[in-house]
């Protein structure tokens, strides 16, 4: 079984990486979802 990516997949991957790099500064700042308190703590 050949699991290599096609040229189309590689091009799409590069497009996504370029987008993420170009919009890195627009990402939310802060602690993120992993650091949010549980519902029990908030209640």
PDB file of N, CA and C in Angstrom:
ATOM      1  N   UNK A   1       0.836  -1.160   0.000  1.00  0.00           N
ATOM      2  CA  UNK A   1       0.000   0.000   0.000  1.00  0.00           C
ATOM      3  C   UNK A   1       0.896   1.243   0.000  1.00  0.00           C
ATOM      4  N   UNK A   2       0.606   2.153  -0.905  1.00  0.00           N
ATOM      5  CA  UNK A   2       1.378   3.386  -1.029  1.00  0.00           C
ATOM      6  C   UNK A   2       0.710   4.479  -0.201  1.00  0.00           C
ATOM      7  N   UNK A   3       1.376   4.935   0.853  1.00  0.00           N
ATOM      8  CA  UNK A   3       0.811   5.946   1.731  1.00  0.00           C
ATOM      9  C   UNK A   3       1.417   7.327   1.519  1.00  0.00           C
ATOM     10  N   UNK A   4       2.091   7.521   0.409  1.00  0.00           N
ATOM     11  CA  UNK A   4       2.668   8.834   0.139  1.00  0.00           C
ATOM     12  C   UNK A   4       1.569   9.790  -0.303  1.00  0.00           C
ATOM     13  N   UNK A   5       1.770  11.069  -0.001  1.00  0.00           N
ATOM     14  CA  UNK A   5       0.807  12.090  -0.377  1.00  0.00           C
ATOM     15  C   UNK A   5       0.959  12.430  -1.852  1.00  0.00           C
ATOM     16  N   UNK A   6      -0.168  12.690  -2.483  1.00  0.00           N
ATOM     17  CA  UNK A   6      -0.149  13.095  -3.888  1.00  0.00           C
ATOM     18  C   UNK A   6       0.333  14.547  -3.969  1.00  0.00           C
ATOM     19  N   UNK A   7       0.730  14.992  -5.145  1.00  0.00           N
ATOM     20  CA  UNK A   7       1.125  16.398  -5.294  1.00  0.00           C
ATOM     21  C   UNK A   7      -0.004  17.359  -4.885  1.00  0.00           C
ATOM     22  N   UNK A   8      -1.253  16.977  -5.140  1.00  0.00           N
ATOM     23  CA  UNK A   8      -2.381  17.824  -4.746  1.00  0.00           C
ATOM     24  C   UNK A   8      -2.485  17.940  -3.226  1.00  0.00           C
ATOM     25  N   UNK A   9      -2.287  16.831  -2.530  1.00  0.00           N
ATOM     26  CA  UNK A   9      -2.308  16.856  -1.071  1.00  0.00           C
ATOM     27  C   UNK A   9      -1.154  17.699  -0.529  1.00  0.00           C
ATOM     28  N   UNK A  10       0.003  17.557  -1.100  1.00  0.00           N
ATOM     29  CA  UNK A  10       1.154  18.334  -0.650  1.00  0.00           C
ATOM     30  C   UNK A  10       0.938  19.822  -0.890  1.00  0.00           C
ATOM     31  N   UNK A  11       0.331  20.167  -2.028  1.00  0.00           N
ATOM     32  CA  UNK A  11       0.057  21.569  -2.334  1.00  0.00           C
ATOM     33  C   UNK A  11      -0.961  22.137  -1.345  1.00  0.00           C
ATOM     34  N   UNK A  12      -1.995  21.361  -1.024  1.00  0.00           N
ATOM     35  CA  UNK A  12      -2.996  21.811  -0.063  1.00  0.00           C
ATOM     36  C   UNK A  12      -2.373  21.979   1.319  1.00  0.00           C
ATOM     37  N   UNK A  13      -1.542  21.038   1.700  1.00  0.00           N
ATOM     38  CA  UNK A  13      -0.866  21.126   3.002  1.00  0.00           C
ATOM     39  C   UNK A  13      -0.041  22.403   3.083  1.00  0.00           C
ATOM     40  N   UNK A  14       0.682  22.715   2.031  1.00  0.00           N
ATOM     41  CA  UNK A  14       1.494  23.932   2.016  1.00  0.00           C
ATOM     42  C   UNK A  14       0.611  25.167   2.069  1.00  0.00           C
ATOM     43  N   UNK A  15      -0.532  25.130   1.388  1.00  0.00           N
ATOM     44  CA  UNK A  15      -1.466  26.250   1.421  1.00  0.00           C
ATOM     45  C   UNK A  15      -1.981  26.495   2.845  1.00  0.00           C
ATOM     46  N   UNK A  16      -2.307  25.432   3.549  1.00  0.00           N
ATOM     47  CA  UNK A  16      -2.774  25.558   4.935  1.00  0.00           C
ATOM     48  C   UNK A  16      -1.659  26.095   5.823  1.00  0.00           C
ATOM     49  N   UNK A  17      -0.461  25.578   5.676  1.00  0.00           N
ATOM     50  CA  UNK A  17       0.667  26.064   6.478  1.00  0.00           C
ATOM     51  C   UNK A  17       0.942  27.542   6.211  1.00  0.00           C
ATOM     52  N   UNK A  18       0.859  27.947   4.960  1.00  0.00           N
ATOM     53  CA  UNK A  18       1.055  29.362   4.613  1.00  0.00           C
ATOM     54  C   UNK A  18      -0.029  30.233   5.243  1.00  0.00           C
ATOM     55  N   UNK A  19      -1.277  29.758   5.206  1.00  0.00           N
ATOM     56  CA  UNK A  19      -2.382  30.497   5.809  1.00  0.00           C
ATOM     57  C   UNK A  19      -2.162  30.658   7.314  1.00  0.00           C
ATOM     58  N   UNK A  20      -1.812  29.570   7.973  1.00  0.00           N
ATOM     59  CA  UNK A  20      -1.586  29.630   9.412  1.00  0.00           C
ATOM     60  C   UNK A  20      -0.446  30.571   9.757  1.00  0.00           C
ATOM     61  N   UNK A  21       0.596  30.534   8.966  1.00  0.00           N
ATOM     62  CA  UNK A  21       1.736  31.418   9.207  1.00  0.00           C
ATOM     63  C   UNK A  21       1.344  32.879   9.003  1.00  0.00           C
ATOM     64  N   UNK A  22       0.547  33.155   7.969  1.00  0.00           N
ATOM     65  CA  UNK A  22       0.141  34.528   7.668  1.00  0.00           C
ATOM     66  C   UNK A  22      -0.822  35.080   8.713  1.00  0.00           C
ATOM     67  N   UNK A  23      -1.596  34.221   9.362  1.00  0.00           N
ATOM     68  CA  UNK A  23      -2.618  34.670  10.299  1.00  0.00           C
ATOM     69  C   UNK A  23      -2.284  34.319  11.752  1.00  0.00           C
ATOM     70  N   UNK A  24      -1.055  34.018  12.011  1.00  0.00           N
ATOM     71  CA  UNK A  24      -0.618  33.629  13.356  1.00  0.00           C
ATOM     72  C   UNK A  24      -0.957  34.703  14.397  1.00  0.00           C
ATOM     73  N   UNK A  25      -0.821  35.972  14.034  1.00  0.00           N
ATOM     74  CA  UNK A  25      -1.066  37.057  14.982  1.00  0.00           C
ATOM     75  C   UNK A  25      -2.543  37.226  15.309  1.00  0.00           C
ATOM     76  N   UNK A  26      -3.437  36.679  14.489  1.00  0.00           N
ATOM     77  CA  UNK A  26      -4.874  36.806  14.724  1.00  0.00           C
ATOM     78  C   UNK A  26      -5.390  35.746  15.695  1.00  0.00           C
ATOM     79  N   UNK A  27      -4.556  34.801  16.076  1.00  0.00           N
ATOM     80  CA  UNK A  27      -4.975  33.737  16.993  1.00  0.00           C
ATOM     81  C   UNK A  27      -5.258  34.334  18.365  1.00  0.00           C
ATOM     82  N   UNK A  28      -6.250  33.802  19.062  1.00  0.00           N
ATOM     83  CA  UNK A  28      -6.560  34.315  20.406  1.00  0.00           C
ATOM     84  C   UNK A  28      -5.372  34.162  21.348  1.00  0.00           C
ATOM     85  N   UNK A  29      -5.205  35.149  22.169  1.00  0.00           N
ATOM     86  CA  UNK A  29      -4.132  35.106  23.164  1.00  0.00           C
ATOM     87  C   UNK A  29      -4.714  34.608  24.484  1.00  0.00           C
ATOM     88  N   UNK A  30      -3.886  34.135  25.326  1.00  0.00           N
ATOM     89  CA  UNK A  30      -4.355  33.741  26.641  1.00  0.00           C
ATOM     90  C   UNK A  30      -4.014  32.310  26.954  1.00  0.00           C
ATOM     91  N   UNK A  31      -4.717  31.790  27.929  1.00  0.00           N
ATOM     92  CA  UNK A  31      -4.394  30.466  28.453  1.00  0.00           C
ATOM     93  C   UNK A  31      -4.907  29.340  27.579  1.00  0.00           C
ATOM     94  N   UNK A  32      -5.958  29.561  26.826  1.00  0.00           N
ATOM     95  CA  UNK A  32      -6.464  28.517  25.947  1.00  0.00           C
ATOM     96  C   UNK A  32      -7.452  27.585  26.630  1.00  0.00           C
ATOM     97  N   UNK A  33      -8.069  26.727  25.835  1.00  0.00           N
ATOM     98  CA  UNK A  33      -9.113  25.830  26.326  1.00  0.00           C
ATOM     99  C   UNK A  33      -8.587  24.826  27.340  1.00  0.00           C
ATOM    100  N   UNK A  34      -7.355  24.419  27.214  1.00  0.00           N
ATOM    101  CA  UNK A  34      -6.807  23.407  28.117  1.00  0.00           C
ATOM    102  C   UNK A  34      -6.681  23.936  29.546  1.00  0.00           C
ATOM    103  N   UNK A  35      -6.655  25.247  29.703  1.00  0.00           N
ATOM    104  CA  UNK A  35      -6.477  25.839  31.023  1.00  0.00           C
ATOM    105  C   UNK A  35      -7.772  26.359  31.632  1.00  0.00           C
ATOM    106  N   UNK A  36      -8.900  26.191  30.946  1.00  0.00           N
ATOM    107  CA  UNK A  36     -10.170  26.677  31.480  1.00  0.00           C
ATOM    108  C   UNK A  36     -10.591  25.843  32.678  1.00  0.00           C
ATOM    109  N   UNK A  37     -11.205  26.493  33.653  1.00  0.00           N
ATOM    110  CA  UNK A  37     -11.665  25.726  34.823  1.00  0.00           C
ATOM    111  C   UNK A  37     -12.830  24.813  34.453  1.00  0.00           C
ATOM    112  N   UNK A  38     -12.970  23.742  35.181  1.00  0.00           N
ATOM    113  CA  UNK A  38     -14.062  22.799  34.938  1.00  0.00           C
ATOM    114  C   UNK A  38     -15.374  23.436  35.359  1.00  0.00           C
ATOM    115  N   UNK A  39     -16.509  22.949  34.829  1.00  0.00           N
ATOM    116  CA  UNK A  39     -17.816  23.497  35.214  1.00  0.00           C
ATOM    117  C   UNK A  39     -18.070  23.393  36.721  1.00  0.00           C
ATOM    118  N   UNK A  40     -17.532  22.366  37.364  1.00  0.00           N
ATOM    119  CA  UNK A  40     -17.732  22.221  38.799  1.00  0.00           C
ATOM    120  C   UNK A  40     -17.066  23.351  39.569  1.00  0.00           C
ATOM    121  N   UNK A  41     -15.923  23.785  39.124  1.00  0.00           N
ATOM    122  CA  UNK A  41     -15.189  24.853  39.800  1.00  0.00           C
ATOM    123  C   UNK A  41     -15.906  26.186  39.610  1.00  0.00           C
ATOM    124  N   UNK A  42     -16.460  26.408  38.423  1.00  0.00           N
ATOM    125  CA  UNK A  42     -17.124  27.671  38.111  1.00  0.00           C
ATOM    126  C   UNK A  42     -18.450  27.788  38.856  1.00  0.00           C
ATOM    127  N   UNK A  43     -19.166  26.681  39.023  1.00  0.00           N
ATOM    128  CA  UNK A  43     -20.515  26.720  39.636  1.00  0.00           C
ATOM    129  C   UNK A  43     -20.501  27.049  41.079  1.00  0.00           C
TER     130      UNK A  43
END
